[in-house]
């Protein structure tokens, strides 16, 4: 069973990336989730790059602690706003 399967099992009505961000706290688990999520997305017909963009985008809705862990561990950024943007930073850019 993959971590993606675990996330679907924990919260069947929620996107697995949200569940992973809300429950995984160790860098090793975050890396394993990324690997499993990339595989899941590839089986759905998408690329690993799109999987990483999903994670990066969704992280914009979370707090500093989650963003630091995930962006730092995975070395990814927000796909639209870049630079590991937070929700507040995104809102600021949109309201200019």
PDB file of N, CA and C in Angstrom:
ATOM      1  N   UNK A   1       0.848  -1.182   0.000  1.00  0.00           N
ATOM      2  CA  UNK A   1       0.000   0.000   0.000  1.00  0.00           C
ATOM      3  C   UNK A   1       0.895   1.248   0.000  1.00  0.00           C
ATOM      4  N   UNK A   2       0.538   2.223  -0.821  1.00  0.00           N
ATOM      5  CA  UNK A   2       1.325   3.450  -0.910  1.00  0.00           C
ATOM      6  C   UNK A   2       0.805   4.492   0.077  1.00  0.00           C
ATOM      7  N   UNK A   3       1.574   5.543   0.263  1.00  0.00           N
ATOM      8  CA  UNK A   3       1.099   6.644   1.109  1.00  0.00           C
ATOM      9  C   UNK A   3      -0.103   7.344   0.483  1.00  0.00           C
ATOM     10  N   UNK A   4      -0.180   7.359  -0.835  1.00  0.00           N
ATOM     11  CA  UNK A   4      -1.363   7.931  -1.494  1.00  0.00           C
ATOM     12  C   UNK A   4      -2.591   7.106  -1.125  1.00  0.00           C
ATOM     13  N   UNK A   5      -2.469   5.784  -1.161  1.00  0.00           N
ATOM     14  CA  UNK A   5      -3.569   4.911  -0.741  1.00  0.00           C
ATOM     15  C   UNK A   5      -3.956   5.186   0.707  1.00  0.00           C
ATOM     16  N   UNK A   6      -2.953   5.356   1.565  1.00  0.00           N
ATOM     17  CA  UNK A   6      -3.210   5.658   2.977  1.00  0.00           C
ATOM     18  C   UNK A   6      -3.999   6.956   3.132  1.00  0.00           C
ATOM     19  N   UNK A   7      -3.631   7.963   2.349  1.00  0.00           N
ATOM     20  CA  UNK A   7      -4.306   9.262   2.445  1.00  0.00           C
ATOM     21  C   UNK A   7      -5.748   9.157   1.968  1.00  0.00           C
ATOM     22  N   UNK A   8      -5.989   8.414   0.880  1.00  0.00           N
ATOM     23  CA  UNK A   8      -7.360   8.191   0.411  1.00  0.00           C
ATOM     24  C   UNK A   8      -8.162   7.430   1.461  1.00  0.00           C
ATOM     25  N   UNK A   9      -7.538   6.449   2.121  1.00  0.00           N
ATOM     26  CA  UNK A   9      -8.227   5.663   3.145  1.00  0.00           C
ATOM     27  C   UNK A   9      -8.575   6.514   4.365  1.00  0.00           C
ATOM     28  N   UNK A  10      -7.671   7.418   4.749  1.00  0.00           N
ATOM     29  CA  UNK A  10      -7.919   8.271   5.920  1.00  0.00           C
ATOM     30  C   UNK A  10      -9.076   9.231   5.686  1.00  0.00           C
ATOM     31  N   UNK A  11      -9.090   9.836   4.499  1.00  0.00           N
ATOM     32  CA  UNK A  11     -10.120  10.831   4.174  1.00  0.00           C
ATOM     33  C   UNK A  11     -10.538  10.640   2.722  1.00  0.00           C
ATOM     34  N   UNK A  12     -11.488   9.744   2.481  1.00  0.00           N
ATOM     35  CA  UNK A  12     -11.872   9.410   1.109  1.00  0.00           C
ATOM     36  C   UNK A  12     -12.419  10.585   0.294  1.00  0.00           C
ATOM     37  N   UNK A  13     -12.980  11.571   0.947  1.00  0.00           N
ATOM     38  CA  UNK A  13     -13.584  12.696   0.233  1.00  0.00           C
ATOM     39  C   UNK A  13     -12.665  13.904   0.127  1.00  0.00           C
ATOM     40  N   UNK A  14     -11.392  13.731   0.425  1.00  0.00           N
ATOM     41  CA  UNK A  14     -10.437  14.835   0.393  1.00  0.00           C
ATOM     42  C   UNK A  14      -9.277  14.470  -0.531  1.00  0.00           C
ATOM     43  N   UNK A  15      -8.738  15.473  -1.212  1.00  0.00           N
ATOM     44  CA  UNK A  15      -7.591  15.246  -2.097  1.00  0.00           C
ATOM     45  C   UNK A  15      -6.432  14.705  -1.260  1.00  0.00           C
ATOM     46  N   UNK A  16      -5.723  13.681  -1.750  1.00  0.00           N
ATOM     47  CA  UNK A  16      -4.665  13.063  -0.940  1.00  0.00           C
ATOM     48  C   UNK A  16      -3.521  14.009  -0.583  1.00  0.00           C
ATOM     49  N   UNK A  17      -3.271  15.023  -1.414  1.00  0.00           N
ATOM     50  CA  UNK A  17      -2.200  15.967  -1.082  1.00  0.00           C
ATOM     51  C   UNK A  17      -2.572  16.768   0.159  1.00  0.00           C
ATOM     52  N   UNK A  18      -3.828  17.193   0.264  1.00  0.00           N
ATOM     53  CA  UNK A  18      -4.264  17.916   1.465  1.00  0.00           C
ATOM     54  C   UNK A  18      -4.073  17.044   2.706  1.00  0.00           C
ATOM     55  N   UNK A  19      -4.524  15.809   2.620  1.00  0.00           N
ATOM     56  CA  UNK A  19      -4.408  14.905   3.766  1.00  0.00           C
ATOM     57  C   UNK A  19      -2.945  14.678   4.130  1.00  0.00           C
ATOM     58  N   UNK A  20      -2.100  14.512   3.138  1.00  0.00           N
ATOM     59  CA  UNK A  20      -0.673  14.301   3.402  1.00  0.00           C
ATOM     60  C   UNK A  20      -0.058  15.515   4.088  1.00  0.00           C
ATOM     61  N   UNK A  21      -0.354  16.709   3.588  1.00  0.00           N
ATOM     62  CA  UNK A  21       0.196  17.926   4.186  1.00  0.00           C
ATOM     63  C   UNK A  21      -0.259  18.063   5.634  1.00  0.00           C
ATOM     64  N   UNK A  22      -1.492  17.680   5.903  1.00  0.00           N
ATOM     65  CA  UNK A  22      -2.056  17.818   7.245  1.00  0.00           C
ATOM     66  C   UNK A  22      -1.600  16.724   8.204  1.00  0.00           C
ATOM     67  N   UNK A  23      -1.048  15.627   7.699  1.00  0.00           N
ATOM     68  CA  UNK A  23      -0.711  14.517   8.599  1.00  0.00           C
ATOM     69  C   UNK A  23       0.765  14.124   8.631  1.00  0.00           C
ATOM     70  N   UNK A  24       1.494  14.328   7.553  1.00  0.00           N
ATOM     71  CA  UNK A  24       2.898  13.902   7.519  1.00  0.00           C
ATOM     72  C   UNK A  24       3.796  14.992   8.089  1.00  0.00           C
ATOM     73  N   UNK A  25       4.679  14.601   9.005  1.00  0.00           N
ATOM     74  CA  UNK A  25       5.531  15.591   9.676  1.00  0.00           C
ATOM     75  C   UNK A  25       7.024  15.295   9.566  1.00  0.00           C
ATOM     76  N   UNK A  26       7.378  14.164   8.988  1.00  0.00           N
ATOM     77  CA  UNK A  26       8.787  13.780   8.866  1.00  0.00           C
ATOM     78  C   UNK A  26       9.243  13.904   7.414  1.00  0.00           C
ATOM     79  N   UNK A  27      10.424  14.480   7.192  1.00  0.00           N
ATOM     80  CA  UNK A  27      10.923  14.627   5.819  1.00  0.00           C
ATOM     81  C   UNK A  27      10.941  13.318   5.023  1.00  0.00           C
ATOM     82  N   UNK A  28      11.264  12.207   5.675  1.00  0.00           N
ATOM     83  CA  UNK A  28      11.297  10.918   4.980  1.00  0.00           C
ATOM     84  C   UNK A  28       9.918  10.556   4.447  1.00  0.00           C
ATOM     85  N   UNK A  29       8.876  10.834   5.245  1.00  0.00           N
ATOM     86  CA  UNK A  29       7.509  10.541   4.813  1.00  0.00           C
ATOM     87  C   UNK A  29       7.082  11.469   3.681  1.00  0.00           C
ATOM     88  N   UNK A  30       7.494  12.728   3.760  1.00  0.00           N
ATOM     89  CA  UNK A  30       7.173  13.694   2.707  1.00  0.00           C
ATOM     90  C   UNK A  30       7.806  13.238   1.386  1.00  0.00           C
ATOM     91  N   UNK A  31       9.059  12.812   1.429  1.00  0.00           N
ATOM     92  CA  UNK A  31       9.732  12.319   0.222  1.00  0.00           C
ATOM     93  C   UNK A  31       9.062  11.058  -0.319  1.00  0.00           C
ATOM     94  N   UNK A  32       8.678  10.175   0.574  1.00  0.00           N
ATOM     95  CA  UNK A  32       7.997   8.947   0.145  1.00  0.00           C
ATOM     96  C   UNK A  32       6.652   9.280  -0.487  1.00  0.00           C
ATOM     97  N   UNK A  33       5.929  10.244   0.108  1.00  0.00           N
ATOM     98  CA  UNK A  33       4.650  10.637  -0.476  1.00  0.00           C
ATOM     99  C   UNK A  33       4.859  11.196  -1.883  1.00  0.00           C
ATOM    100  N   UNK A  34       5.875  12.040  -2.052  1.00  0.00           N
ATOM    101  CA  UNK A  34       6.150  12.602  -3.379  1.00  0.00           C
ATOM    102  C   UNK A  34       6.374  11.478  -4.398  1.00  0.00           C
ATOM    103  N   UNK A  35       7.177  10.503  -4.041  1.00  0.00           N
ATOM    104  CA  UNK A  35       7.442   9.374  -4.938  1.00  0.00           C
ATOM    105  C   UNK A  35       6.157   8.632  -5.268  1.00  0.00           C
ATOM    106  N   UNK A  36       5.370   8.335  -4.235  1.00  0.00           N
ATOM    107  CA  UNK A  36       4.116   7.608  -4.438  1.00  0.00           C
ATOM    108  C   UNK A  36       3.113   8.436  -5.238  1.00  0.00           C
ATOM    109  N   UNK A  37       3.055   9.745  -4.980  1.00  0.00           N
ATOM    110  CA  UNK A  37       2.108  10.608  -5.692  1.00  0.00           C
ATOM    111  C   UNK A  37       2.506  10.749  -7.161  1.00  0.00           C
ATOM    112  N   UNK A  38       3.799  10.849  -7.430  1.00  0.00           N
ATOM    113  CA  UNK A  38       4.259  10.893  -8.822  1.00  0.00           C
ATOM    114  C   UNK A  38       3.836   9.622  -9.560  1.00  0.00           C
ATOM    115  N   UNK A  39       4.035   8.471  -8.923  1.00  0.00           N
ATOM    116  CA  UNK A  39       3.644   7.197  -9.531  1.00  0.00           C
ATOM    117  C   UNK A  39       2.143   7.161  -9.771  1.00  0.00           C
ATOM    118  N   UNK A  40       1.365   7.574  -8.784  1.00  0.00           N
ATOM    119  CA  UNK A  40      -0.093   7.621  -8.909  1.00  0.00           C
ATOM    120  C   UNK A  40      -0.505   8.502 -10.091  1.00  0.00           C
ATOM    121  N   UNK A  41       0.090   9.698 -10.170  1.00  0.00           N
ATOM    122  CA  UNK A  41      -0.258  10.625 -11.251  1.00  0.00           C
ATOM    123  C   UNK A  41       0.153  10.067 -12.614  1.00  0.00           C
ATOM    124  N   UNK A  42       1.297   9.407 -12.688  1.00  0.00           N
ATOM    125  CA  UNK A  42       1.731   8.805 -13.951  1.00  0.00           C
ATOM    126  C   UNK A  42       0.763   7.713 -14.394  1.00  0.00           C
ATOM    127  N   UNK A  43       0.237   6.943 -13.454  1.00  0.00           N
ATOM    128  CA  UNK A  43      -0.763   5.926 -13.784  1.00  0.00           C
ATOM    129  C   UNK A  43      -2.063   6.561 -14.280  1.00  0.00           C
ATOM    130  N   UNK A  44      -2.318   7.805 -13.851  1.00  0.00           N
ATOM    131  CA  UNK A  44      -3.503   8.549 -14.291  1.00  0.00           C
ATOM    132  C   UNK A  44      -3.252   9.295 -15.607  1.00  0.00           C
ATOM    133  N   UNK A  45      -2.024   9.200 -16.131  1.00  0.00           N
ATOM    134  CA  UNK A  45      -1.704   9.821 -17.409  1.00  0.00           C
ATOM    135  C   UNK A  45      -1.016  11.172 -17.322  1.00  0.00           C
ATOM    136  N   UNK A  46      -0.552  11.549 -16.141  1.00  0.00           N
ATOM    137  CA  UNK A  46       0.123  12.831 -15.939  1.00  0.00           C
ATOM    138  C   UNK A  46       1.609  12.602 -15.668  1.00  0.00           C
ATOM    139  N   UNK A  47       2.369  13.670 -15.701  1.00  0.00           N
ATOM    140  CA  UNK A  47       3.816  13.570 -15.473  1.00  0.00           C
ATOM    141  C   UNK A  47       4.171  13.816 -14.008  1.00  0.00           C
ATOM    142  N   UNK A  48       5.395  13.457 -13.662  1.00  0.00           N
ATOM    143  CA  UNK A  48       5.906  13.737 -12.317  1.00  0.00           C
ATOM    144  C   UNK A  48       5.951  15.240 -12.072  1.00  0.00           C
ATOM    145  N   UNK A  49       6.238  16.012 -13.117  1.00  0.00           N
ATOM    146  CA  UNK A  49       6.269  17.473 -12.983  1.00  0.00           C
ATOM    147  C   UNK A  49       4.899  18.019 -12.586  1.00  0.00           C
ATOM    148  N   UNK A  50       3.852  17.480 -13.170  1.00  0.00           N
ATOM    149  CA  UNK A  50       2.503  17.920 -12.810  1.00  0.00           C
ATOM    150  C   UNK A  50       2.189  17.529 -11.372  1.00  0.00           C
ATOM    151  N   UNK A  51       2.632  16.363 -10.952  1.00  0.00           N
ATOM    152  CA  UNK A  51       2.434  15.945  -9.558  1.00  0.00           C
ATOM    153  C   UNK A  51       3.092  16.939  -8.611  1.00  0.00           C
ATOM    154  N   UNK A  52       4.321  17.342  -8.917  1.00  0.00           N
ATOM    155  CA  UNK A  52       5.020  18.314  -8.071  1.00  0.00           C
ATOM    156  C   UNK A  52       4.327  19.670  -8.093  1.00  0.00           C
ATOM    157  N   UNK A  53       3.796  20.059  -9.251  1.00  0.00           N
ATOM    158  CA  UNK A  53       3.070  21.332  -9.343  1.00  0.00           C
ATOM    159  C   UNK A  53       1.805  21.292  -8.485  1.00  0.00           C
ATOM    160  N   UNK A  54       1.112  20.150  -8.472  1.00  0.00           N
ATOM    161  CA  UNK A  54      -0.065  19.990  -7.605  1.00  0.00           C
ATOM    162  C   UNK A  54       0.312  20.240  -6.150  1.00  0.00           C
ATOM    163  N   UNK A  55       1.358  19.569  -5.715  1.00  0.00           N
ATOM    164  CA  UNK A  55       1.798  19.707  -4.326  1.00  0.00           C
ATOM    165  C   UNK A  55       2.175  21.155  -4.041  1.00  0.00           C
ATOM    166  N   UNK A  56       2.958  21.759  -4.921  1.00  0.00           N
ATOM    167  CA  UNK A  56       3.387  23.147  -4.735  1.00  0.00           C
ATOM    168  C   UNK A  56       2.229  24.119  -4.677  1.00  0.00           C
ATOM    169  N   UNK A  57       1.243  23.918  -5.531  1.00  0.00           N
ATOM    170  CA  UNK A  57       0.072  24.796  -5.553  1.00  0.00           C
ATOM    171  C   UNK A  57      -0.730  24.663  -4.258  1.00  0.00           C
ATOM    172  N   UNK A  58      -1.024  23.440  -3.879  1.00  0.00           N
ATOM    173  CA  UNK A  58      -1.835  23.195  -2.684  1.00  0.00           C
ATOM    174  C   UNK A  58      -1.136  23.708  -1.432  1.00  0.00           C
ATOM    175  N   UNK A  59       0.181  23.633  -1.384  1.00  0.00           N
ATOM    176  CA  UNK A  59       0.925  24.139  -0.221  1.00  0.00           C
ATOM    177  C   UNK A  59       0.693  25.622   0.025  1.00  0.00           C
ATOM    178  N   UNK A  60       0.349  26.377  -1.004  1.00  0.00           N
ATOM    179  CA  UNK A  60       0.074  27.802  -0.851  1.00  0.00           C
ATOM    180  C   UNK A  60      -1.067  28.092   0.109  1.00  0.00           C
ATOM    181  N   UNK A  61      -1.909  27.109   0.369  1.00  0.00           N
ATOM    182  CA  UNK A  61      -3.050  27.283   1.268  1.00  0.00           C
ATOM    183  C   UNK A  61      -2.730  26.931   2.719  1.00  0.00           C
ATOM    184  N   UNK A  62      -1.499  26.534   2.983  1.00  0.00           N
ATOM    185  CA  UNK A  62      -1.138  26.089   4.327  1.00  0.00           C
ATOM    186  C   UNK A  62      -0.201  27.064   5.015  1.00  0.00           C
ATOM    187  N   UNK A  63       0.010  26.834   6.290  1.00  0.00           N
ATOM    188  CA  UNK A  63       0.829  27.707   7.117  1.00  0.00           C
ATOM    189  C   UNK A  63       2.315  27.552   6.869  1.00  0.00           C
ATOM    190  N   UNK A  64       3.047  28.440   7.505  1.00  0.00           N
ATOM    191  CA  UNK A  64       4.500  28.508   7.338  1.00  0.00           C
ATOM    192  C   UNK A  64       5.181  27.183   7.687  1.00  0.00           C
ATOM    193  N   UNK A  65       4.742  26.546   8.757  1.00  0.00           N
ATOM    194  CA  UNK A  65       5.378  25.310   9.200  1.00  0.00           C
ATOM    195  C   UNK A  65       5.267  24.213   8.132  1.00  0.00           C
ATOM    196  N   UNK A  66       4.065  24.032   7.601  1.00  0.00           N
ATOM    197  CA  UNK A  66       3.870  23.012   6.577  1.00  0.00           C
ATOM    198  C   UNK A  66       4.644  23.362   5.310  1.00  0.00           C
ATOM    199  N   UNK A  67       4.584  24.631   4.919  1.00  0.00           N
ATOM    200  CA  UNK A  67       5.285  25.047   3.697  1.00  0.00           C
ATOM    201  C   UNK A  67       6.792  24.861   3.831  1.00  0.00           C
ATOM    202  N   UNK A  68       7.355  25.228   4.972  1.00  0.00           N
ATOM    203  CA  UNK A  68       8.801  25.053   5.176  1.00  0.00           C
ATOM    204  C   UNK A  68       9.196  23.581   5.063  1.00  0.00           C
ATOM    205  N   UNK A  69       8.427  22.710   5.719  1.00  0.00           N
ATOM    206  CA  UNK A  69       8.731  21.280   5.668  1.00  0.00           C
ATOM    207  C   UNK A  69       8.648  20.756   4.236  1.00  0.00           C
ATOM    208  N   UNK A  70       7.536  21.001   3.578  1.00  0.00           N
ATOM    209  CA  UNK A  70       7.301  20.413   2.260  1.00  0.00           C
ATOM    210  C   UNK A  70       8.133  21.066   1.167  1.00  0.00           C
ATOM    211  N   UNK A  71       8.097  22.395   1.064  1.00  0.00           N
ATOM    212  CA  UNK A  71       8.894  23.057   0.029  1.00  0.00           C
ATOM    213  C   UNK A  71      10.379  22.764   0.245  1.00  0.00           C
ATOM    214  N   UNK A  72      10.823  22.846   1.493  1.00  0.00           N
ATOM    215  CA  UNK A  72      12.232  22.611   1.791  1.00  0.00           C
ATOM    216  C   UNK A  72      12.671  21.189   1.512  1.00  0.00           C
ATOM    217  N   UNK A  73      11.852  20.233   1.897  1.00  0.00           N
ATOM    218  CA  UNK A  73      12.190  18.826   1.698  1.00  0.00           C
ATOM    219  C   UNK A  73      12.176  18.449   0.221  1.00  0.00           C
ATOM    220  N   UNK A  74      11.165  18.933  -0.493  1.00  0.00           N
ATOM    221  CA  UNK A  74      11.005  18.532  -1.890  1.00  0.00           C
ATOM    222  C   UNK A  74      11.741  19.438  -2.872  1.00  0.00           C
ATOM    223  N   UNK A  75      12.145  20.619  -2.415  1.00  0.00           N
ATOM    224  CA  UNK A  75      12.835  21.547  -3.303  1.00  0.00           C
ATOM    225  C   UNK A  75      11.958  22.072  -4.424  1.00  0.00           C
ATOM    226  N   UNK A  76      10.672  22.252  -4.137  1.00  0.00           N
ATOM    227  CA  UNK A  76       9.735  22.763  -5.137  1.00  0.00           C
ATOM    228  C   UNK A  76       9.227  24.131  -4.704  1.00  0.00           C
ATOM    229  N   UNK A  77       8.578  24.831  -5.628  1.00  0.00           N
ATOM    230  CA  UNK A  77       7.990  26.139  -5.356  1.00  0.00           C
ATOM    231  C   UNK A  77       6.526  26.127  -5.768  1.00  0.00           C
ATOM    232  N   UNK A  78       5.830  27.218  -5.471  1.00  0.00           N
ATOM    233  CA  UNK A  78       4.469  27.396  -5.955  1.00  0.00           C
ATOM    234  C   UNK A  78       4.552  27.538  -7.475  1.00  0.00           C
ATOM    235  N   UNK A  79       3.742  26.787  -8.243  1.00  0.00           N
ATOM    236  CA  UNK A  79       3.905  26.780  -9.697  1.00  0.00           C
ATOM    237  C   UNK A  79       3.509  28.080 -10.399  1.00  0.00           C
ATOM    238  N   UNK A  80       2.707  28.898  -9.767  1.00  0.00           N
ATOM    239  CA  UNK A  80       2.281  30.156 -10.382  1.00  0.00           C
ATOM    240  C   UNK A  80       3.079  31.322  -9.829  1.00  0.00           C
ATOM    241  N   UNK A  81       3.184  31.389  -8.523  1.00  0.00           N
ATOM    242  CA  UNK A  81       3.805  32.533  -7.870  1.00  0.00           C
ATOM    243  C   UNK A  81       5.262  32.294  -7.486  1.00  0.00           C
ATOM    244  N   UNK A  82       5.713  31.057  -7.605  1.00  0.00           N
ATOM    245  CA  UNK A  82       7.108  30.733  -7.335  1.00  0.00           C
ATOM    246  C   UNK A  82       7.540  31.015  -5.913  1.00  0.00           C
ATOM    247  N   UNK A  83       8.818  30.891  -5.701  1.00  0.00           N
ATOM    248  CA  UNK A  83       9.466  31.294  -4.457  1.00  0.00           C
ATOM    249  C   UNK A  83       8.729  30.865  -3.200  1.00  0.00           C
ATOM    250  N   UNK A  84       8.157  29.677  -3.226  1.00  0.00           N
ATOM    251  CA  UNK A  84       7.519  29.127  -2.020  1.00  0.00           C
ATOM    252  C   UNK A  84       6.483  30.075  -1.422  1.00  0.00           C
ATOM    253  N   UNK A  85       5.641  30.618  -2.270  1.00  0.00           N
ATOM    254  CA  UNK A  85       4.673  31.646  -1.886  1.00  0.00           C
ATOM    255  C   UNK A  85       3.653  31.137  -0.877  1.00  0.00           C
ATOM    256  N   UNK A  86       3.286  32.018   0.044  1.00  0.00           N
ATOM    257  CA  UNK A  86       2.226  31.726   1.004  1.00  0.00           C
ATOM    258  C   UNK A  86       0.915  32.283   0.468  1.00  0.00           C
ATOM    259  N   UNK A  87      -0.192  31.879   1.077  1.00  0.00           N
ATOM    260  CA  UNK A  87      -1.506  32.375   0.673  1.00  0.00           C
ATOM    261  C   UNK A  87      -1.564  33.890   0.781  1.00  0.00           C
ATOM    262  N   UNK A  88      -1.004  34.475   1.842  1.00  0.00           N
ATOM    263  CA  UNK A  88      -1.005  35.933   2.003  1.00  0.00           C
ATOM    264  C   UNK A  88      -0.226  36.602   0.879  1.00  0.00           C
ATOM    265  N   UNK A  89       0.917  36.030   0.520  1.00  0.00           N
ATOM    266  CA  UNK A  89       1.727  36.595  -0.566  1.00  0.00           C
ATOM    267  C   UNK A  89       0.989  36.502  -1.894  1.00  0.00           C
ATOM    268  N   UNK A  90       0.300  35.407  -2.106  1.00  0.00           N
ATOM    269  CA  UNK A  90      -0.471  35.224  -3.331  1.00  0.00           C
ATOM    270  C   UNK A  90      -1.583  36.262  -3.406  1.00  0.00           C
ATOM    271  N   UNK A  91      -2.326  36.439  -2.306  1.00  0.00           N
ATOM    272  CA  UNK A  91      -3.409  37.421  -2.276  1.00  0.00           C
ATOM    273  C   UNK A  91      -2.879  38.823  -2.537  1.00  0.00           C
ATOM    274  N   UNK A  92      -1.728  39.142  -1.962  1.00  0.00           N
ATOM    275  CA  UNK A  92      -1.125  40.457  -2.151  1.00  0.00           C
ATOM    276  C   UNK A  92      -0.808  40.694  -3.631  1.00  0.00           C
ATOM    277  N   UNK A  93      -0.238  39.698  -4.285  1.00  0.00           N
ATOM    278  CA  UNK A  93       0.106  39.821  -5.702  1.00  0.00           C
ATOM    279  C   UNK A  93      -1.143  39.951  -6.563  1.00  0.00           C
ATOM    280  N   UNK A  94      -2.201  39.234  -6.208  1.00  0.00           N
ATOM    281  CA  UNK A  94      -3.435  39.288  -6.989  1.00  0.00           C
ATOM    282  C   UNK A  94      -4.160  40.616  -6.835  1.00  0.00           C
ATOM    283  N   UNK A  95      -4.025  41.264  -5.693  1.00  0.00           N
ATOM    284  CA  UNK A  95      -4.738  42.516  -5.420  1.00  0.00           C
ATOM    285  C   UNK A  95      -3.996  43.752  -5.900  1.00  0.00           C
ATOM    286  N   UNK A  96      -2.835  43.598  -6.519  1.00  0.00           N
ATOM    287  CA  UNK A  96      -2.072  44.754  -7.016  1.00  0.00           C
ATOM    288  C   UNK A  96      -2.710  45.328  -8.244  1.00  0.00           C
TER     289      UNK A  96
END
